[in-house]
Structure formats: C-alpha cells, structure tokens
C-alpha cells in the first residue's frame, strides 16, 4: 500500500468518529509492510487493510504511535496475535467479497508468522460484520481511545 494520501482520505470518510494522524498509518506501514493491503480498481484505491503482530488480548490505542512491534517469544510481552488495526472500504467496493478477502490475507499473514489468533476492536455497528468472520468478544476492555460501545474481539487464526 503506497498511496497514503488516498488511504487517509478513505479513513476520514469511512471512520469520521475515529480519526488518526497520518503518522499512525505511516508507522504501521514502516513497521509491518506485509500487513498493509490495498484494494484497487483501474488504478484507484477503493479500500485498505492494516494489521501487525501484537499481544494476544489487547490492541494499541487509537491514534497512537507504537514505536516497535513485539516479536514472537520476546519478553516481557511477546506477540501472541495478529492485530487488525483497520479495514476500510469505500461503499462502491462493498458487497463483492473484498472485505472477506482482506480478512483472509490478514489470517494468512498471522499463520505465516506462527501467530495463533487475531484481535481487533469493533467500533460503531461493525461487531456484526466481525462476528460473521468468526470473531467473538473477549472480556478485556478495549483501549479508551476507541470510545464507549467499542468491543475487543478475537478469533483463531
């Protein structure tokens, strides 16, 4: 995913209540380029997905630079899951299986890295979408930046 300006524009349109500084997406791309996926048609960016290794029962807070990624087996906090940071599709890209394909790419990357699970925060009305993709709520609270009503979810990779 190389068109950060277009991705930022999509993020602002799809997630207006959850803004993030462009530096967050730039950092995720730098730290884990294999976790950044672009959905294009005729040269136009229609959506993207961003993910990276993280801890098994948490995610970084919204609009937060993380500095580095935990490694599998590292201490004090090893990577234990693939964190789906964001999936955003323009309306014209929906209903064709693109989101499922992006989730599948994330799952494949988690498996390639030996991570047994995937975690995310569902915001707004997205929990139903994530349930259809096998995610279930877990008891831990999501970071406060996601606001009231956000749900931390997990599934096996």
C-alpha atoms as a PDB file:
ATOM      1  CA  UNK A   1       0.000   0.000   0.000  1.00  0.00           C
ATOM      2  CA  UNK A   2       1.840   3.106  -1.167  1.00  0.00           C
ATOM      3  CA  UNK A   3      -0.822   5.796  -1.605  1.00  0.00           C
ATOM      4  CA  UNK A   4      -1.036   7.054   1.972  1.00  0.00           C
ATOM      5  CA  UNK A   5      -2.893  10.238   0.996  1.00  0.00           C
ATOM      6  CA  UNK A   6      -5.675   8.226  -0.658  1.00  0.00           C
ATOM      7  CA  UNK A   7      -5.796   5.817   2.291  1.00  0.00           C
ATOM      8  CA  UNK A   8      -6.017   8.739   4.702  1.00  0.00           C
ATOM      9  CA  UNK A   9      -8.896  10.185   2.686  1.00  0.00           C
ATOM     10  CA  UNK A  10     -10.736   6.848   2.809  1.00  0.00           C
ATOM     11  CA  UNK A  11     -10.124   6.585   6.562  1.00  0.00           C
ATOM     12  CA  UNK A  12     -11.573  10.053   7.149  1.00  0.00           C
ATOM     13  CA  UNK A  13     -14.632   9.200   5.071  1.00  0.00           C
ATOM     14  CA  UNK A  14     -15.284   5.724   6.495  1.00  0.00           C
ATOM     15  CA  UNK A  15     -14.270   6.357  10.121  1.00  0.00           C
ATOM     16  CA  UNK A  16     -15.106  10.036  10.793  1.00  0.00           C
ATOM     17  CA  UNK A  17     -15.623   9.370  14.516  1.00  0.00           C
ATOM     18  CA  UNK A  18     -12.244   7.625  14.866  1.00  0.00           C
ATOM     19  CA  UNK A  19      -9.646   9.971  13.377  1.00  0.00           C
ATOM     20  CA  UNK A  20      -5.974   9.083  13.341  1.00  0.00           C
ATOM     21  CA  UNK A  21      -2.978  11.152  12.422  1.00  0.00           C
ATOM     22  CA  UNK A  22      -1.370  10.158   9.115  1.00  0.00           C
ATOM     23  CA  UNK A  23       1.769   9.322  11.093  1.00  0.00           C
ATOM     24  CA  UNK A  24      -0.014   6.289  12.588  1.00  0.00           C
ATOM     25  CA  UNK A  25      -0.620   4.681   9.201  1.00  0.00           C
ATOM     26  CA  UNK A  26       2.862   5.657   8.038  1.00  0.00           C
ATOM     27  CA  UNK A  27       4.347   3.956  11.100  1.00  0.00           C
ATOM     28  CA  UNK A  28       2.312   0.765  10.657  1.00  0.00           C
ATOM     29  CA  UNK A  29       3.417   0.600   7.009  1.00  0.00           C
ATOM     30  CA  UNK A  30       7.057   1.093   8.015  1.00  0.00           C
ATOM     31  CA  UNK A  31       6.928  -1.443  10.865  1.00  0.00           C
ATOM     32  CA  UNK A  32       4.971  -4.135   9.048  1.00  0.00           C
ATOM     33  CA  UNK A  33       4.628  -3.592   5.291  1.00  0.00           C
ATOM     34  CA  UNK A  34       3.465  -7.218   4.909  1.00  0.00           C
ATOM     35  CA  UNK A  35       0.393  -6.277   6.950  1.00  0.00           C
ATOM     36  CA  UNK A  36      -0.739  -3.425   4.700  1.00  0.00           C
ATOM     37  CA  UNK A  37      -3.062  -4.316   1.841  1.00  0.00           C
ATOM     38  CA  UNK A  38      -4.636  -2.133  -0.844  1.00  0.00           C
ATOM     39  CA  UNK A  39      -7.808  -2.776  -2.806  1.00  0.00           C
ATOM     40  CA  UNK A  40      -7.597  -1.069  -6.187  1.00  0.00           C
ATOM     41  CA  UNK A  41      -9.620  -0.921  -9.381  1.00  0.00           C
ATOM     42  CA  UNK A  42      -8.488   0.867 -12.527  1.00  0.00           C
ATOM     43  CA  UNK A  43      -5.653   2.454 -10.567  1.00  0.00           C
ATOM     44  CA  UNK A  44      -7.897   3.920  -7.863  1.00  0.00           C
ATOM     45  CA  UNK A  45      -7.648   2.971  -4.200  1.00  0.00           C
ATOM     46  CA  UNK A  46     -11.043   1.648  -3.058  1.00  0.00           C
ATOM     47  CA  UNK A  47     -10.020   0.332   0.324  1.00  0.00           C
ATOM     48  CA  UNK A  48      -7.249  -0.937   2.511  1.00  0.00           C
ATOM     49  CA  UNK A  49      -6.440  -3.122   5.491  1.00  0.00           C
ATOM     50  CA  UNK A  50      -3.695  -2.603   8.058  1.00  0.00           C
ATOM     51  CA  UNK A  51      -2.505  -5.168  10.574  1.00  0.00           C
ATOM     52  CA  UNK A  52       0.549  -6.192  12.556  1.00  0.00           C
ATOM     53  CA  UNK A  53       1.732  -8.585  15.265  1.00  0.00           C
ATOM     54  CA  UNK A  54       0.661  -7.638  18.771  1.00  0.00           C
ATOM     55  CA  UNK A  55      -0.161  -9.065  22.176  1.00  0.00           C
ATOM     56  CA  UNK A  56      -2.790 -11.793  22.458  1.00  0.00           C
ATOM     57  CA  UNK A  57      -5.546  -9.963  24.331  1.00  0.00           C
ATOM     58  CA  UNK A  58      -5.050  -6.285  23.551  1.00  0.00           C
ATOM     59  CA  UNK A  59      -4.581  -3.765  20.772  1.00  0.00           C
ATOM     60  CA  UNK A  60      -2.766  -0.415  20.656  1.00  0.00           C
ATOM     61  CA  UNK A  61      -4.947   2.576  21.421  1.00  0.00           C
ATOM     62  CA  UNK A  62      -6.443   4.574  18.581  1.00  0.00           C
ATOM     63  CA  UNK A  63      -4.270   7.312  17.093  1.00  0.00           C
ATOM     64  CA  UNK A  64      -1.184   6.049  18.912  1.00  0.00           C
ATOM     65  CA  UNK A  65       2.320   5.508  17.634  1.00  0.00           C
ATOM     66  CA  UNK A  66       3.657   2.201  18.927  1.00  0.00           C
ATOM     67  CA  UNK A  67       7.375   2.591  18.221  1.00  0.00           C
ATOM     68  CA  UNK A  68       8.093  -1.076  17.608  1.00  0.00           C
ATOM     69  CA  UNK A  69       6.388  -4.436  17.287  1.00  0.00           C
ATOM     70  CA  UNK A  70       6.606  -7.266  19.791  1.00  0.00           C
ATOM     71  CA  UNK A  71       8.328 -10.353  18.437  1.00  0.00           C
ATOM     72  CA  UNK A  72       7.141 -13.898  18.771  1.00  0.00           C
ATOM     73  CA  UNK A  73       8.639 -15.163  22.010  1.00  0.00           C
ATOM     74  CA  UNK A  74      10.067 -11.798  23.094  1.00  0.00           C
ATOM     75  CA  UNK A  75       9.925 -10.613  26.697  1.00  0.00           C
ATOM     76  CA  UNK A  76       8.311  -9.041  28.609  1.00  0.00           C
ATOM     77  CA  UNK A  77       5.387  -9.082  26.193  1.00  0.00           C
ATOM     78  CA  UNK A  78       5.638 -11.431  23.247  1.00  0.00           C
ATOM     79  CA  UNK A  79       3.485 -11.165  20.158  1.00  0.00           C
ATOM     80  CA  UNK A  80       0.642 -13.617  20.505  1.00  0.00           C
ATOM     81  CA  UNK A  81      -1.815 -12.434  17.888  1.00  0.00           C
ATOM     82  CA  UNK A  82      -2.261 -10.556  14.659  1.00  0.00           C
ATOM     83  CA  UNK A  83      -3.869  -7.182  15.357  1.00  0.00           C
ATOM     84  CA  UNK A  84      -6.239  -5.983  12.648  1.00  0.00           C
ATOM     85  CA  UNK A  85      -5.775  -2.260  13.089  1.00  0.00           C
ATOM     86  CA  UNK A  86      -8.126  -1.119  10.348  1.00  0.00           C
ATOM     87  CA  UNK A  87     -10.146  -2.316   7.386  1.00  0.00           C
ATOM     88  CA  UNK A  88     -11.846   0.402   5.352  1.00  0.00           C
ATOM     89  CA  UNK A  89     -13.692   0.025   2.061  1.00  0.00           C
ATOM     90  CA  UNK A  90     -15.469   2.703   0.081  1.00  0.00           C
ATOM     91  CA  UNK A  91     -19.169   1.915  -0.455  1.00  0.00           C
ATOM     92  CA  UNK A  92     -18.611   1.062  -4.123  1.00  0.00           C
ATOM     93  CA  UNK A  93     -16.171  -1.705  -3.094  1.00  0.00           C
ATOM     94  CA  UNK A  94     -18.557  -3.435  -0.712  1.00  0.00           C
ATOM     95  CA  UNK A  95     -20.745  -6.451  -1.295  1.00  0.00           C
ATOM     96  CA  UNK A  96     -18.290  -8.256  -3.564  1.00  0.00           C
ATOM     97  CA  UNK A  97     -16.299 -10.239  -1.021  1.00  0.00           C
ATOM     98  CA  UNK A  98     -13.434  -7.741  -0.828  1.00  0.00           C
ATOM     99  CA  UNK A  99     -13.607  -7.396   2.956  1.00  0.00           C
ATOM    100  CA  UNK A 100     -13.601 -11.173   3.378  1.00  0.00           C
ATOM    101  CA  UNK A 101     -10.590 -11.383   1.071  1.00  0.00           C
ATOM    102  CA  UNK A 102      -8.727  -8.762   3.118  1.00  0.00           C
ATOM    103  CA  UNK A 103      -9.528 -10.631   6.346  1.00  0.00           C
ATOM    104  CA  UNK A 104      -8.249 -13.795   4.655  1.00  0.00           C
ATOM    105  CA  UNK A 105      -4.983 -12.081   3.729  1.00  0.00           C
ATOM    106  CA  UNK A 106      -4.583 -10.997   7.345  1.00  0.00           C
ATOM    107  CA  UNK A 107      -5.271 -14.537   8.552  1.00  0.00           C
ATOM    108  CA  UNK A 108      -2.700 -15.893   6.114  1.00  0.00           C
ATOM    109  CA  UNK A 109      -0.083 -13.432   7.388  1.00  0.00           C
ATOM    110  CA  UNK A 110      -0.857 -14.358  11.016  1.00  0.00           C
ATOM    111  CA  UNK A 111      -0.401 -18.034  10.197  1.00  0.00           C
ATOM    112  CA  UNK A 112       2.779 -17.375   8.239  1.00  0.00           C
ATOM    113  CA  UNK A 113       4.205 -15.713  11.340  1.00  0.00           C
ATOM    114  CA  UNK A 114       3.078 -18.509  13.650  1.00  0.00           C
ATOM    115  CA  UNK A 115       0.519 -16.350  15.446  1.00  0.00           C
ATOM    116  CA  UNK A 116      -2.417 -18.430  16.694  1.00  0.00           C
ATOM    117  CA  UNK A 117      -5.035 -15.675  16.896  1.00  0.00           C
ATOM    118  CA  UNK A 118      -6.255 -12.366  15.511  1.00  0.00           C
ATOM    119  CA  UNK A 119      -7.534  -9.460  17.640  1.00  0.00           C
ATOM    120  CA  UNK A 120      -9.313  -6.216  16.815  1.00  0.00           C
ATOM    121  CA  UNK A 121     -11.614  -3.551  18.174  1.00  0.00           C
ATOM    122  CA  UNK A 122     -15.060  -3.373  16.606  1.00  0.00           C
ATOM    123  CA  UNK A 123     -16.440   0.172  16.566  1.00  0.00           C
ATOM    124  CA  UNK A 124     -19.824   1.550  15.634  1.00  0.00           C
ATOM    125  CA  UNK A 125     -22.031  -1.162  14.166  1.00  0.00           C
ATOM    126  CA  UNK A 126     -19.110  -3.308  12.925  1.00  0.00           C
ATOM    127  CA  UNK A 127     -19.356  -6.068  15.573  1.00  0.00           C
ATOM    128  CA  UNK A 128     -21.894  -7.971  13.450  1.00  0.00           C
ATOM    129  CA  UNK A 129     -19.560  -7.923  10.459  1.00  0.00           C
ATOM    130  CA  UNK A 130     -16.703  -9.258  12.559  1.00  0.00           C
ATOM    131  CA  UNK A 131     -18.908 -11.950  14.120  1.00  0.00           C
ATOM    132  CA  UNK A 132     -19.687 -13.207  10.612  1.00  0.00           C
ATOM    133  CA  UNK A 133     -15.931 -13.574  10.143  1.00  0.00           C
ATOM    134  CA  UNK A 134     -15.517 -15.681  13.268  1.00  0.00           C
ATOM    135  CA  UNK A 135     -14.565 -13.031  15.808  1.00  0.00           C
ATOM    136  CA  UNK A 136     -16.060 -13.154  19.308  1.00  0.00           C
ATOM    137  CA  UNK A 137     -15.994 -10.568  22.099  1.00  0.00           C
ATOM    138  CA  UNK A 138     -13.444 -11.124  24.841  1.00  0.00           C
ATOM    139  CA  UNK A 139     -13.792  -9.780  28.394  1.00  0.00           C
ATOM    140  CA  UNK A 140     -10.878  -7.352  28.267  1.00  0.00           C
ATOM    141  CA  UNK A 141     -11.845  -3.733  27.675  1.00  0.00           C
ATOM    142  CA  UNK A 142     -10.571  -2.044  24.535  1.00  0.00           C
ATOM    143  CA  UNK A 143      -8.260   0.950  24.941  1.00  0.00           C
ATOM    144  CA  UNK A 144     -10.132   4.123  25.927  1.00  0.00           C
ATOM    145  CA  UNK A 145      -9.443   5.960  22.672  1.00  0.00           C
ATOM    146  CA  UNK A 146     -11.986   3.791  20.870  1.00  0.00           C
ATOM    147  CA  UNK A 147     -14.801   5.229  22.983  1.00  0.00           C
ATOM    148  CA  UNK A 148     -17.940   3.831  24.529  1.00  0.00           C
ATOM    149  CA  UNK A 149     -19.512   0.896  22.765  1.00  0.00           C
ATOM    150  CA  UNK A 150     -16.261  -0.434  21.307  1.00  0.00           C
ATOM    151  CA  UNK A 151     -15.726  -4.184  21.645  1.00  0.00           C
ATOM    152  CA  UNK A 152     -12.444  -6.071  21.819  1.00  0.00           C
ATOM    153  CA  UNK A 153     -12.793  -9.233  19.711  1.00  0.00           C
ATOM    154  CA  UNK A 154     -10.656 -12.275  18.940  1.00  0.00           C
ATOM    155  CA  UNK A 155     -10.644 -15.370  16.733  1.00  0.00           C
ATOM    156  CA  UNK A 156      -8.293 -18.196  15.934  1.00  0.00           C
ATOM    157  CA  UNK A 157      -6.018 -17.590  13.005  1.00  0.00           C
END
